[in-house]
Protein backbone atom coordinates (compact mmCIF):
# COMPACT_ATOMS: atom_id res chain seq x y z
CA MET A 1 28.40 -123.96 9.41
CA ASN A 2 27.56 -121.94 12.48
CA ASP A 3 26.16 -118.42 12.56
CA SER A 4 29.45 -116.64 13.25
CA GLU A 5 31.13 -118.41 10.32
CA CYS A 6 28.32 -117.38 8.00
CA VAL A 7 28.42 -113.78 9.23
CA GLN A 8 32.17 -113.59 8.76
CA PHE A 9 31.88 -114.94 5.22
CA LEU A 10 29.11 -112.50 4.30
CA GLN A 11 31.04 -109.55 5.69
CA TRP A 12 33.90 -110.54 3.39
CA ALA A 13 31.87 -111.46 0.30
CA LEU A 14 29.08 -108.89 0.10
CA PRO A 15 31.26 -105.86 -0.82
CA HIS A 16 32.54 -107.83 -3.83
CA ILE A 17 29.02 -107.86 -5.28
CA HIS A 18 28.12 -104.27 -4.27
CA MET A 19 26.01 -105.31 -1.32
CA ARG A 20 26.35 -104.31 2.31
CA TRP A 21 26.30 -106.40 5.44
CA PRO A 22 23.97 -104.23 7.62
CA GLY A 23 21.03 -104.97 5.33
CA PHE A 24 21.48 -108.71 5.83
CA ARG A 25 21.66 -108.86 9.62
CA LYS A 26 18.01 -109.78 10.18
CA VAL A 27 17.62 -111.98 7.09
CA ARG A 28 20.96 -113.77 7.10
CA ASN A 29 19.41 -117.13 8.00
CA GLN A 30 17.81 -117.31 4.56
CA VAL A 31 21.17 -116.68 2.89
CA CYS A 32 23.10 -118.99 5.23
CA LYS A 33 20.78 -121.90 4.38
CA ARG A 34 21.37 -121.27 0.69
CA LEU A 35 25.12 -121.14 1.27
CA GLN A 36 25.00 -124.51 3.01
CA ARG A 37 23.19 -126.02 0.04
CA ARG A 38 25.76 -124.48 -2.32
CA LEU A 39 28.62 -126.01 -0.35
CA GLU A 40 26.97 -129.40 -0.71
CA GLN A 41 26.49 -128.90 -4.45
CA LEU A 42 30.17 -128.01 -4.90
CA GLN A 43 31.26 -130.71 -2.45
CA LEU A 44 33.19 -128.18 -0.38
CA GLU A 45 33.94 -128.76 3.27
CA ASP A 46 33.25 -125.32 4.69
CA LEU A 47 33.01 -121.60 3.94
CA HIS A 48 36.78 -121.21 4.16
CA SER A 49 37.06 -123.64 1.26
CA TYR A 50 34.31 -121.76 -0.55
CA ARG A 51 36.18 -118.50 -0.10
CA ASN A 52 39.29 -120.05 -1.66
CA TYR A 53 37.11 -121.43 -4.46
CA PHE A 54 36.57 -117.90 -5.79
CA ASP A 55 40.29 -117.53 -6.52
CA GLU A 56 40.07 -119.98 -9.41
CA HIS A 57 36.37 -119.71 -10.27
CA VAL A 58 35.47 -116.08 -10.95
CA ASP A 59 32.22 -117.28 -12.53
CA GLU A 60 31.04 -118.20 -9.03
CA TRP A 61 30.42 -114.54 -8.13
CA PRO A 62 27.17 -114.36 -10.15
CA GLU A 63 26.08 -117.57 -8.42
CA LEU A 64 26.72 -115.99 -5.03
CA ASP A 65 24.78 -112.93 -6.15
CA LYS A 66 21.75 -115.16 -6.78
CA LEU A 67 22.07 -116.67 -3.32
CA CYS A 68 21.90 -113.19 -1.79
CA GLN A 69 18.62 -112.15 -3.41
CA ILE A 70 16.10 -111.80 -0.56
CA THR A 71 12.53 -112.88 -1.29
CA ILE A 72 10.45 -111.89 1.72
CA SER A 73 7.09 -110.24 0.98
CA ARG A 74 3.36 -110.37 1.58
CA PHE A 75 0.18 -108.58 0.57
CA TYR A 76 -0.60 -105.23 2.24
CA ARG A 77 2.87 -105.07 3.79
CA ASP A 78 3.06 -102.08 6.17
CA LYS A 79 -0.59 -101.13 6.63
CA MET A 80 0.20 -97.46 7.28
CA VAL A 81 1.88 -97.19 3.88
CA PHE A 82 -1.19 -98.42 2.05
CA ALA A 83 -3.40 -96.14 4.12
CA PHE A 84 -1.23 -93.22 2.96
CA LEU A 85 -1.48 -94.43 -0.64
CA GLU A 86 -5.25 -94.56 -0.32
CA GLN A 87 -5.70 -91.21 1.41
CA GLN A 88 -2.91 -89.11 -0.13
CA VAL A 89 -0.93 -90.60 -3.01
CA PHE A 90 -3.60 -92.04 -5.30
CA PRO A 91 -5.93 -88.99 -4.99
CA ARG A 92 -3.02 -86.63 -5.77
CA LEU A 93 -1.84 -88.62 -8.78
CA LEU A 94 -5.33 -89.15 -10.15
CA HIS A 95 -6.14 -85.46 -9.80
CA THR A 96 -2.96 -84.62 -11.74
CA ILE A 97 -3.81 -87.14 -14.46
CA GLU A 98 -7.29 -85.67 -14.82
CA GLN A 99 -5.90 -82.13 -15.02
CA ARG A 100 -3.54 -83.21 -17.81
CA GLN A 101 -6.41 -85.02 -19.55
CA GLU A 102 -4.44 -88.25 -19.52
CA THR A 103 -6.04 -91.69 -19.37
CA GLU A 104 -3.53 -93.94 -17.61
CA LEU A 105 -2.03 -94.29 -14.14
CA ARG A 106 1.36 -95.95 -14.58
CA ILE A 107 3.16 -97.73 -11.74
CA TRP A 108 6.46 -99.57 -11.60
CA CYS A 109 7.10 -102.05 -8.78
CA ALA A 110 10.83 -102.83 -8.63
CA GLY A 111 11.69 -106.11 -6.95
CA SER A 112 8.14 -107.36 -7.29
CA GLY A 113 8.87 -110.81 -5.86
CA ALA A 114 5.97 -113.21 -6.32
CA GLY A 115 3.61 -110.35 -7.15
CA GLU A 116 2.37 -109.45 -3.68
CA GLU A 117 2.95 -105.69 -3.96
CA PRO A 118 1.71 -105.14 -7.55
CA TYR A 119 -1.40 -107.16 -6.85
CA THR A 120 -2.06 -105.22 -3.63
CA LEU A 121 -1.89 -101.99 -5.61
CA ALA A 122 -4.26 -103.45 -8.21
CA LEU A 123 -6.70 -104.39 -5.45
CA LEU A 124 -6.44 -100.91 -3.92
CA TRP A 125 -7.28 -99.43 -7.32
CA SER A 126 -10.14 -101.84 -8.03
CA MET A 127 -11.77 -101.68 -4.63
CA LEU A 128 -11.52 -97.94 -3.96
CA PHE A 129 -10.83 -95.90 -7.10
CA GLN A 130 -11.76 -97.59 -10.36
CA SER A 131 -15.47 -96.76 -10.24
CA ARG A 132 -14.76 -93.12 -9.36
CA PHE A 133 -12.17 -92.66 -12.11
CA SER A 134 -13.67 -94.77 -14.88
CA ALA A 135 -11.92 -92.79 -17.62
CA ILE A 136 -8.50 -93.74 -16.24
CA ARG A 137 -6.82 -97.10 -16.80
CA LEU A 138 -4.33 -98.64 -14.36
CA SER A 139 -1.08 -100.06 -15.75
CA ILE A 140 1.49 -101.77 -13.49
CA VAL A 141 4.87 -103.18 -14.43
CA GLY A 142 6.49 -105.52 -11.91
CA THR A 143 10.19 -106.24 -12.40
CA GLU A 144 12.03 -109.03 -10.64
CA ILE A 145 15.48 -110.58 -11.11
CA ASN A 146 14.44 -114.13 -10.18
CA PRO A 147 12.63 -116.05 -12.97
CA ALA A 148 11.11 -118.45 -10.42
CA MET A 149 9.46 -115.50 -8.68
CA ILE A 150 8.10 -114.22 -11.98
CA LYS A 151 6.55 -117.64 -12.58
CA ARG A 152 4.93 -117.60 -9.14
CA ALA A 153 3.63 -114.07 -9.71
CA ARG A 154 1.96 -115.04 -12.96
CA ARG A 155 0.38 -118.05 -11.27
CA ALA A 156 -0.95 -115.73 -8.52
CA CYS A 157 -1.68 -118.40 -5.91
CA TYR A 158 -0.56 -117.89 -2.30
CA PRO A 159 -0.72 -119.42 1.17
CA TYR A 160 -3.04 -117.77 3.65
CA SER A 161 -0.07 -116.26 5.49
CA ALA A 162 0.70 -114.11 2.43
CA ILE A 163 -2.79 -112.58 2.14
CA LYS A 164 -3.97 -112.47 5.77
CA ASN A 165 -3.21 -108.73 6.20
CA LEU A 166 -5.61 -107.75 3.41
CA PRO A 167 -9.01 -106.37 4.43
CA LEU A 168 -11.46 -109.25 4.80
CA THR A 169 -13.79 -107.94 2.09
CA TRP A 170 -10.88 -107.77 -0.37
CA ARG A 171 -9.86 -111.34 0.38
CA GLU A 172 -13.38 -112.65 -0.04
CA GLU A 173 -13.95 -110.75 -3.28
CA ALA A 174 -10.62 -111.24 -5.03
CA PHE A 175 -9.41 -114.73 -4.05
CA ARG A 176 -10.69 -118.23 -4.60
CA LYS A 177 -9.42 -121.12 -2.49
CA ARG A 178 -7.77 -123.95 -4.40
CA ASP A 179 -6.59 -126.80 -2.17
CA ASP A 180 -4.40 -125.03 0.43
CA GLN A 181 -3.74 -121.97 -1.77
CA PHE A 182 -5.64 -118.75 -2.36
CA CYS A 183 -5.64 -117.78 -6.04
CA LEU A 184 -6.28 -114.26 -7.31
CA ARG A 185 -9.13 -113.96 -9.78
CA PRO A 186 -7.93 -113.26 -13.35
CA ASP A 187 -9.79 -109.96 -13.64
CA TYR A 188 -7.52 -108.53 -10.91
CA GLN A 189 -4.42 -109.58 -12.86
CA SER A 190 -5.21 -108.11 -16.26
CA ASN A 191 -3.57 -104.70 -15.72
CA ILE A 192 -0.20 -106.06 -14.56
CA GLU A 193 2.82 -107.10 -16.61
CA PHE A 194 5.74 -108.94 -15.04
CA ARG A 195 9.23 -108.67 -16.53
CA CYS A 196 12.44 -110.42 -15.56
CA GLN A 197 14.85 -107.51 -15.09
CA ASP A 198 17.79 -106.59 -12.88
CA LEU A 199 17.19 -103.21 -11.26
CA ARG A 200 20.95 -102.66 -11.21
CA GLN A 201 21.14 -102.81 -14.99
CA GLU A 202 17.89 -101.53 -16.47
CA SER A 203 14.42 -100.19 -15.91
CA PRO A 204 11.17 -100.59 -17.85
CA ALA A 205 10.59 -97.79 -20.29
CA TYR A 206 7.49 -96.26 -21.83
CA GLY A 207 9.52 -94.02 -24.12
CA GLU A 208 12.20 -91.42 -23.82
CA GLU A 209 10.35 -89.35 -21.22
CA PRO A 210 9.94 -90.33 -17.52
CA LEU A 211 6.32 -91.38 -17.50
CA PHE A 212 5.78 -93.44 -14.36
CA HIS A 213 3.52 -91.70 -11.87
CA LEU A 214 4.44 -94.00 -8.97
CA ILE A 215 7.55 -96.13 -8.46
CA CYS A 216 7.74 -98.60 -5.58
CA CYS A 217 11.22 -99.79 -4.64
CA ARG A 218 10.73 -101.10 -1.14
CA ASN A 219 13.13 -103.15 0.95
CA LEU A 220 15.55 -103.77 -1.89
CA ALA A 221 18.06 -101.30 -3.29
CA PHE A 222 18.28 -99.04 -0.26
CA THR A 223 18.64 -101.94 2.16
CA TYR A 224 20.93 -104.46 0.49
CA TYR A 225 23.06 -102.54 -2.04
CA ASP A 226 26.13 -100.45 -1.29
CA MET A 227 26.02 -96.65 -1.43
CA SER A 228 27.51 -96.25 -4.90
CA LEU A 229 24.97 -98.65 -6.35
CA GLN A 230 22.16 -97.01 -4.39
CA GLN A 231 23.10 -93.70 -5.98
CA GLU A 232 23.03 -95.19 -9.48
CA ILE A 233 19.64 -96.76 -8.88
CA ALA A 234 18.22 -93.56 -7.40
CA GLN A 235 19.29 -91.71 -10.56
CA ARG A 236 17.71 -94.40 -12.75
CA ILE A 237 14.48 -94.16 -10.78
CA HIS A 238 14.51 -90.38 -11.04
CA ALA A 239 14.89 -90.61 -14.80
CA SER A 240 11.93 -93.02 -14.97
CA LEU A 241 9.56 -90.91 -12.87
CA ASP A 242 7.26 -88.20 -14.14
CA ASN A 243 7.50 -84.64 -12.84
CA GLY A 244 5.68 -84.56 -9.52
CA GLY A 245 5.58 -88.34 -9.43
CA VAL A 246 5.96 -90.39 -6.26
CA LEU A 247 8.73 -92.72 -5.12
CA MET A 248 7.97 -95.15 -2.32
CA ILE A 249 10.83 -96.95 -0.56
CA GLY A 250 10.79 -99.04 2.62
CA VAL A 251 9.76 -97.59 5.96
CA HIS A 252 13.22 -98.38 7.36
CA GLU A 253 15.08 -97.08 4.30
CA GLU A 254 16.25 -93.68 3.14
CA LEU A 255 17.75 -92.35 -0.05
CA PRO A 256 21.55 -91.92 -0.11
CA PRO A 257 22.75 -88.53 1.19
CA GLU A 258 24.07 -87.43 -2.23
CA CYS A 259 20.74 -88.10 -3.94
CA THR A 260 19.10 -85.03 -5.49
CA GLY A 261 15.89 -84.38 -7.35
CA PHE A 262 13.52 -85.64 -4.64
CA THR A 263 11.72 -83.95 -1.77
CA ILE A 264 10.45 -85.83 1.27
CA TRP A 265 6.69 -86.25 1.48
CA SER A 266 6.65 -88.65 4.43
CA LYS A 267 10.00 -89.50 6.01
CA ARG A 268 8.35 -91.94 8.42
CA LEU A 269 6.85 -93.95 5.53
CA GLY A 270 9.70 -93.52 3.03
CA ILE A 271 7.68 -91.56 0.45
CA TYR A 272 9.23 -88.93 -1.82
CA LEU A 273 8.14 -86.58 -4.59
CA ARG A 274 10.14 -86.07 -7.75
CA GLU A 275 10.90 -82.40 -8.09
CA ASN A 276 9.50 -80.66 -11.12
CA CYS A 277 12.05 -80.03 -13.87
CA ASP A 278 11.16 -77.50 -16.57
């Protein structure tokens, strides 16, 4: 298939699975390669034949959905975001936790991929905050729809390209080289739980109350999903976030216009505060 054929197919297919074409423009090559492999598996001649295939095989839509899950990530992605977390977000949240006499900082990373973002947050905590807030425990839940990614996250070994943006001292302290991979030491993994979940259907729960202090949903829902689904997910996130808690989305994303219950903390970095509800 050529690029224009793939684009035309995606523009037709994506709305059927509540996704939107603009989010796929820059990453379509990844999806197009997967589509080519799927055509070969089904022994179909081209995308026109694949499009007709859906008429008699409605069970193919979930398969297409899997092909459209984007898995691009790395440690310390968007340096300015993590600088803001270090200088503003973590101090604010930890101060609130101390005032409430709580003992746990709870974070949910939605679309956690192979673990790059949750582990970066764990390193940020360990390197800069743990010794100063020894009475507080960090707890991170990473959710990801792809079981293969969950397996990679639990293994916690990466190529150099995935960790190169980390500060040098963090890399030297936290990783051990094994063949051509860099593996995270187990003591930096102990406060993270990975769950195979679909953000569109469910969220991790600590109880009936919204108890996450920080939710990271970057470069996922508000890039690839259509507006109605974005609204549903924003509501689910709001219900999972503590009063005054922080939502972090991608630097090129924004919440849907109809979304309520959040105030902008940093529009440039995609960081919001959940409004207090008495």
